[in-house]
């Protein structure tokens, strides 16, 4: 009996090899960085107010016309907008992010002083979200219909909770009622618990929804049936086979998740008075510190693209179907 040959439209799209794939991703990273820098530059130019006046301390400084003219010449603000943009891109190509107007120090130095705190918060939140999502998804899949309904409901509620509301509830419960955690971020491990929980719980809702559906699909797959036929225990099948395949979609989402954690840090770091890029970005926007805002946006975009690249690489390692032919 001859098997039917699939039509052209039903064929699977060929997967690029490692070299082609890396070139495509590198081009994508450069495009994202250029787009982030361009959008930030023109968006900040649309904000009402005089940048020269902001550099001199804002409207309250009562700077005279001569001082304003000198600042415009010094920072190139008297040049046409296109010239300012090209000069700005040229500086970025050499790694020069400029001087912070408000902090009076190089932008790279200012970012370096804050980046570690935000990166630590994002990584702890991501690890916590993975632990919560995996535990809840595994319990709801293996616990029957009641556990499935409870798990699904908890994931929906968690995914819909806004950061500022969740932070308030956690402070009221753990700090003011139980008194076991500080309401603001303090040095030491205890200071990061509530900020990390605030960022991890909504993310765990998203990851849990994806992982639970994938777990169910994986448990009904032929390779699980084969493992059962070989006499493997259900616990071994779950941890060795099912969870690995179910984690693939969630791993792919982790790059996006890291970007959302960095952007969510603006709110969380402000609520908990925590040091980091989020508080610095909020302060820089209020002071119209264009160079610092641009530098932070570029660093966040770079971190987002790098994490996406890392998760895609992990996806190619976990799932052989994502690798090119012959690799």
Protein backbone atom coordinates (compact mmCIF):
# COMPACT_ATOMS: atom_id res chain seq x y z
CA UNK A 1 0.00 0.00 0.00
CA UNK A 2 1.38 3.41 -1.01
CA UNK A 3 1.10 6.17 1.55
CA UNK A 4 -0.28 9.49 0.24
CA UNK A 5 2.34 12.14 -0.47
CA UNK A 6 1.63 15.38 1.43
CA UNK A 7 0.87 18.43 -0.67
CA UNK A 8 3.23 21.39 -0.84
CA UNK A 9 1.01 23.49 1.43
CA UNK A 10 1.08 20.78 4.14
CA UNK A 11 4.88 20.60 4.28
CA UNK A 12 6.59 21.88 7.36
CA UNK A 13 8.60 25.05 6.97
CA UNK A 14 12.34 24.15 6.85
CA UNK A 15 14.29 25.05 9.97
CA UNK A 16 17.43 27.20 9.32
CA UNK A 17 20.83 25.89 10.35
CA UNK A 18 22.76 27.30 13.29
CA UNK A 19 24.85 29.78 11.24
CA UNK A 20 21.87 31.15 9.31
CA UNK A 21 19.82 31.27 12.48
CA UNK A 22 22.50 33.20 14.40
CA UNK A 23 22.86 35.73 11.55
CA UNK A 24 19.09 36.29 11.51
CA UNK A 25 18.99 36.75 15.28
CA UNK A 26 21.97 39.12 15.28
CA UNK A 27 20.22 41.24 12.65
CA UNK A 28 17.07 41.19 14.75
CA UNK A 29 18.99 42.37 17.84
CA UNK A 30 20.52 45.31 15.92
CA UNK A 31 17.11 46.28 14.53
CA UNK A 32 15.49 46.23 17.99
CA UNK A 33 18.27 48.40 19.45
CA UNK A 34 18.05 50.90 16.57
CA UNK A 35 14.23 51.06 16.87
CA UNK A 36 14.38 51.54 20.65
CA UNK A 37 16.99 54.31 20.34
CA UNK A 38 15.08 56.10 17.54
CA UNK A 39 11.66 55.93 19.19
CA UNK A 40 13.05 57.11 22.53
CA UNK A 41 14.94 60.00 20.92
CA UNK A 42 11.95 61.41 19.02
CA UNK A 43 9.43 60.64 21.81
CA UNK A 44 11.44 62.67 24.32
CA UNK A 45 11.73 65.55 21.83
CA UNK A 46 7.89 65.66 21.71
CA UNK A 47 7.63 66.20 25.49
CA UNK A 48 6.65 69.85 26.21
CA UNK A 49 9.38 72.05 27.67
CA UNK A 50 12.87 73.28 26.84
CA UNK A 51 15.62 70.61 27.18
CA UNK A 52 18.18 73.35 27.90
CA UNK A 53 16.05 74.61 30.78
CA UNK A 54 15.75 71.02 32.11
CA UNK A 55 19.54 70.66 32.02
CA UNK A 56 19.91 73.82 34.11
CA UNK A 57 17.49 72.53 36.75
CA UNK A 58 14.01 73.09 35.29
CA UNK A 59 11.72 76.16 35.31
CA UNK A 60 12.58 76.87 38.95
CA UNK A 61 16.22 77.62 38.07
CA UNK A 62 15.19 80.90 36.31
CA UNK A 63 18.15 80.57 33.93
CA UNK A 64 18.89 83.62 31.76
CA UNK A 65 18.95 83.68 27.93
CA UNK A 66 22.76 83.62 27.82
CA UNK A 67 22.98 80.53 30.02
CA UNK A 68 20.32 78.78 27.95
CA UNK A 69 22.13 79.64 24.71
CA UNK A 70 25.43 78.36 26.09
CA UNK A 71 23.84 75.04 27.12
CA UNK A 72 22.21 74.65 23.69
CA UNK A 73 25.59 75.15 22.00
CA UNK A 74 27.37 72.83 24.42
CA UNK A 75 24.90 69.96 23.98
CA UNK A 76 24.20 70.56 20.29
CA UNK A 77 20.57 71.50 20.91
CA UNK A 78 20.90 74.49 18.56
CA UNK A 79 21.45 72.12 15.62
CA UNK A 80 18.60 70.87 13.35
CA UNK A 81 16.79 67.81 14.69
CA UNK A 82 18.15 65.55 11.94
CA UNK A 83 21.73 66.57 12.78
CA UNK A 84 21.06 65.93 16.48
CA UNK A 85 19.67 62.47 15.62
CA UNK A 86 22.63 61.48 13.41
CA UNK A 87 25.11 62.77 16.00
CA UNK A 88 23.28 60.79 18.66
CA UNK A 89 23.40 57.57 16.57
CA UNK A 90 27.09 58.13 15.85
CA UNK A 91 27.84 58.39 19.57
CA UNK A 92 25.89 55.19 20.24
CA UNK A 93 27.94 53.30 17.64
CA UNK A 94 31.08 54.18 19.60
CA UNK A 95 29.48 53.10 22.91
CA UNK A 96 29.15 56.67 24.19
CA UNK A 97 25.77 57.08 25.94
CA UNK A 98 26.52 60.66 26.95
CA UNK A 99 26.41 62.54 30.23
CA UNK A 100 23.44 62.48 32.59
CA UNK A 101 21.98 65.99 32.97
CA UNK A 102 20.52 65.34 36.43
CA UNK A 103 23.26 63.18 37.97
CA UNK A 104 26.22 64.99 36.32
CA UNK A 105 28.03 61.73 35.59
CA UNK A 106 28.42 59.41 32.56
CA UNK A 107 25.24 57.52 31.74
CA UNK A 108 27.11 54.20 31.66
CA UNK A 109 28.36 54.83 35.21
CA UNK A 110 24.86 55.75 36.42
CA UNK A 111 23.36 52.65 34.81
CA UNK A 112 26.12 50.40 36.13
CA UNK A 113 25.34 51.54 39.69
CA UNK A 114 21.68 50.52 39.34
CA UNK A 115 21.68 47.58 36.91
CA UNK A 116 22.79 44.91 39.40
CA UNK A 117 19.83 45.55 41.74
CA UNK A 118 17.26 45.34 38.93
CA UNK A 119 18.90 42.29 37.34
CA UNK A 120 18.91 40.49 40.71
CA UNK A 121 15.24 41.33 41.27
CA UNK A 122 14.28 40.16 37.75
CA UNK A 123 16.19 36.87 37.98
CA UNK A 124 14.84 36.04 41.46
CA UNK A 125 11.30 36.88 40.27
CA UNK A 126 11.71 34.72 37.15
CA UNK A 127 12.97 31.74 39.19
CA UNK A 128 10.15 32.18 41.70
CA UNK A 129 7.56 32.41 38.89
CA UNK A 130 8.89 29.18 37.34
CA UNK A 131 8.71 27.38 40.70
CA UNK A 132 5.14 28.57 41.37
CA UNK A 133 3.95 27.80 37.82
CA UNK A 134 5.52 24.33 37.73
CA UNK A 135 4.18 23.34 41.15
CA UNK A 136 0.66 24.58 40.48
CA UNK A 137 0.50 23.09 36.97
CA UNK A 138 1.77 19.70 38.14
CA UNK A 139 -0.66 19.62 41.07
CA UNK A 140 -3.68 20.61 38.96
CA UNK A 141 -2.92 18.07 36.20
CA UNK A 142 -2.33 15.14 38.56
CA UNK A 143 -4.93 16.09 41.20
CA UNK A 144 -8.16 15.40 39.32
CA UNK A 145 -11.03 17.67 38.23
CA UNK A 146 -11.25 19.68 41.45
CA UNK A 147 -7.53 20.43 41.43
CA UNK A 148 -7.75 21.30 37.72
CA UNK A 149 -10.57 23.80 38.36
CA UNK A 150 -8.80 25.37 41.36
CA UNK A 151 -5.48 25.58 39.53
CA UNK A 152 -7.06 27.11 36.44
CA UNK A 153 -8.89 29.71 38.56
CA UNK A 154 -5.76 30.64 40.53
CA UNK A 155 -3.77 31.08 37.31
CA UNK A 156 -6.42 33.36 35.80
CA UNK A 157 -6.60 35.53 38.93
CA UNK A 158 -2.80 35.69 39.27
CA UNK A 159 -2.32 36.70 35.62
CA UNK A 160 -4.88 39.52 35.92
CA UNK A 161 -3.56 41.08 39.16
CA UNK A 162 -1.80 44.47 38.64
CA UNK A 163 1.57 44.95 40.30
CA UNK A 164 0.67 48.01 42.40
CA UNK A 165 -2.46 46.33 43.86
CA UNK A 166 -0.63 43.09 44.64
CA UNK A 167 2.22 45.01 46.28
CA UNK A 168 -0.26 46.81 48.56
CA UNK A 169 -1.95 43.54 49.57
CA UNK A 170 1.39 41.83 50.29
CA UNK A 171 2.58 44.76 52.42
CA UNK A 172 -0.69 44.79 54.39
CA UNK A 173 -0.56 41.03 55.03
CA UNK A 174 3.13 40.20 55.53
CA UNK A 175 4.37 43.51 56.97
CA UNK A 176 1.53 45.23 58.83
CA UNK A 177 -0.51 42.14 59.90
CA UNK A 178 2.09 39.38 60.41
CA UNK A 179 5.11 41.65 60.81
CA UNK A 180 7.53 39.10 59.34
CA UNK A 181 8.76 41.05 56.28
CA UNK A 182 9.81 44.71 55.87
CA UNK A 183 7.35 46.97 53.97
CA UNK A 184 10.23 48.60 52.07
CA UNK A 185 13.25 47.02 50.46
CA UNK A 186 16.14 46.77 52.92
CA UNK A 187 19.63 45.28 52.45
CA UNK A 188 19.71 41.49 52.79
CA UNK A 189 17.61 38.55 51.56
CA UNK A 190 14.43 39.61 53.39
CA UNK A 191 14.33 42.90 51.49
CA UNK A 192 13.83 41.22 48.12
CA UNK A 193 11.05 38.78 49.12
CA UNK A 194 8.01 41.05 48.72
CA UNK A 195 9.24 42.83 45.54
CA UNK A 196 10.06 39.45 43.95
CA UNK A 197 6.68 37.98 44.95
CA UNK A 198 4.92 41.03 43.51
CA UNK A 199 6.56 40.48 40.14
CA UNK A 200 6.52 36.67 40.18
CA UNK A 201 2.85 35.95 40.94
CA UNK A 202 1.31 37.55 37.78
CA UNK A 203 4.03 35.98 35.65
CA UNK A 204 3.42 32.58 37.26
CA UNK A 205 -0.23 32.88 36.17
CA UNK A 206 0.80 33.22 32.50
CA UNK A 207 3.47 30.52 32.64
CA UNK A 208 1.17 28.15 34.56
CA UNK A 209 -1.59 28.40 31.94
CA UNK A 210 0.84 27.52 29.16
CA UNK A 211 2.56 24.76 31.13
CA UNK A 212 -0.67 23.10 32.32
CA UNK A 213 -2.04 22.69 28.79
CA UNK A 214 1.34 21.42 27.59
CA UNK A 215 1.53 18.95 30.48
CA UNK A 216 -1.86 17.53 29.60
CA UNK A 217 -0.91 17.16 25.93
CA UNK A 218 2.43 15.56 26.80
CA UNK A 219 0.80 13.05 29.19
CA UNK A 220 -1.38 11.80 26.33
CA UNK A 221 1.51 11.54 23.85
CA UNK A 222 2.77 8.23 22.37
CA UNK A 223 6.16 8.49 24.08
CA UNK A 224 4.42 8.44 27.49
CA UNK A 225 2.44 5.35 26.45
CA UNK A 226 5.71 3.73 25.36
CA UNK A 227 7.35 4.60 28.69
CA UNK A 228 4.43 3.05 30.58
CA UNK A 229 4.71 -0.08 28.42
CA UNK A 230 8.39 -0.33 29.44
CA UNK A 231 7.26 -0.41 33.08
CA UNK A 232 8.51 3.04 34.14
CA UNK A 233 6.81 4.52 37.19
CA UNK A 234 4.42 7.48 36.85
CA UNK A 235 6.74 9.70 38.92
CA UNK A 236 9.71 8.90 36.65
CA UNK A 237 7.62 9.42 33.53
CA UNK A 238 6.44 12.81 34.80
CA UNK A 239 9.83 14.21 35.78
CA UNK A 240 11.91 12.64 32.99
CA UNK A 241 9.60 12.85 29.97
CA UNK A 242 6.39 14.81 30.49
CA UNK A 243 7.74 17.87 32.29
CA UNK A 244 10.62 18.29 29.80
CA UNK A 245 8.29 18.47 26.81
CA UNK A 246 5.75 20.61 28.66
CA UNK A 247 8.44 23.15 29.60
CA UNK A 248 9.33 23.95 25.96
CA UNK A 249 6.59 26.60 25.37
CA UNK A 250 7.21 28.15 28.79
CA UNK A 251 10.97 28.36 28.11
CA UNK A 252 10.18 30.21 24.90
CA UNK A 253 8.10 32.70 26.89
CA UNK A 254 10.86 33.39 29.39
CA UNK A 255 12.60 35.91 27.12
CA UNK A 256 9.41 37.94 26.88
CA UNK A 257 8.87 37.37 30.60
CA UNK A 258 12.29 38.84 31.44
CA UNK A 259 11.48 41.96 29.42
CA UNK A 260 8.15 42.34 31.23
CA UNK A 261 9.92 41.94 34.59
CA UNK A 262 12.39 44.72 33.76
CA UNK A 263 9.56 47.06 32.69
CA UNK A 264 7.49 46.03 35.74
CA UNK A 265 10.39 47.04 37.96
CA UNK A 266 9.47 50.70 37.37
CA UNK A 267 6.35 50.26 39.52
CA UNK A 268 7.67 47.70 42.00
CA UNK A 269 10.92 49.54 42.78
CA UNK A 270 8.96 52.75 43.36
CA UNK A 271 6.40 51.08 45.70
CA UNK A 272 9.07 49.33 47.78
CA UNK A 273 11.59 52.22 47.59
CA UNK A 274 14.12 49.82 46.09
CA UNK A 275 17.27 50.85 44.25
CA UNK A 276 17.34 49.97 40.55
CA UNK A 277 16.84 51.00 36.93
CA UNK A 278 13.08 51.37 37.38
CA UNK A 279 13.35 54.14 39.97
CA UNK A 280 16.15 55.78 38.00
CA UNK A 281 14.04 55.73 34.81
CA UNK A 282 11.05 57.27 36.58
CA UNK A 283 13.22 60.02 38.07
CA UNK A 284 14.96 60.67 34.73
CA UNK A 285 11.61 61.05 32.89
CA UNK A 286 10.37 63.52 35.52
CA UNK A 287 13.59 65.56 35.15
CA UNK A 288 13.65 65.22 31.32
CA UNK A 289 17.12 63.70 31.51
CA UNK A 290 17.10 62.62 27.84
CA UNK A 291 20.48 60.91 27.82
CA UNK A 292 19.78 58.84 30.96
CA UNK A 293 16.31 57.81 29.73
CA UNK A 294 17.74 56.77 26.38
CA UNK A 295 20.58 54.85 28.01
CA UNK A 296 18.25 52.93 30.33
CA UNK A 297 15.86 52.11 27.47
CA UNK A 298 18.75 50.80 25.37
CA UNK A 299 20.09 48.67 28.21
CA UNK A 300 16.62 47.22 28.87
CA UNK A 301 16.17 46.50 25.14
CA UNK A 302 19.59 44.84 25.00
CA UNK A 303 18.84 42.72 28.08
CA UNK A 304 15.48 41.74 26.58
CA UNK A 305 16.98 40.67 23.25
CA UNK A 306 19.84 38.78 24.91
CA UNK A 307 17.43 36.87 27.17
CA UNK A 308 15.23 36.07 24.16
CA UNK A 309 18.30 34.76 22.33
CA UNK A 310 19.28 32.63 25.34
CA UNK A 311 15.78 31.14 25.66
CA UNK A 312 15.68 30.39 21.93
CA UNK A 313 19.03 28.63 22.26
CA UNK A 314 17.67 26.64 25.21
CA UNK A 315 14.62 25.79 23.10
CA UNK A 316 16.86 24.39 20.34
CA UNK A 317 18.73 22.29 22.92
CA UNK A 318 15.56 20.89 24.54
CA UNK A 319 13.51 20.35 21.37
CA UNK A 320 15.39 18.64 18.48
CA UNK A 321 12.61 19.67 16.03
CA UNK A 322 13.78 23.31 16.24
CA UNK A 323 17.29 22.46 14.98
CA UNK A 324 18.36 22.61 11.37
CA UNK A 325 18.68 19.56 9.20
CA UNK A 326 21.87 17.59 9.83
CA UNK A 327 22.70 19.31 13.17
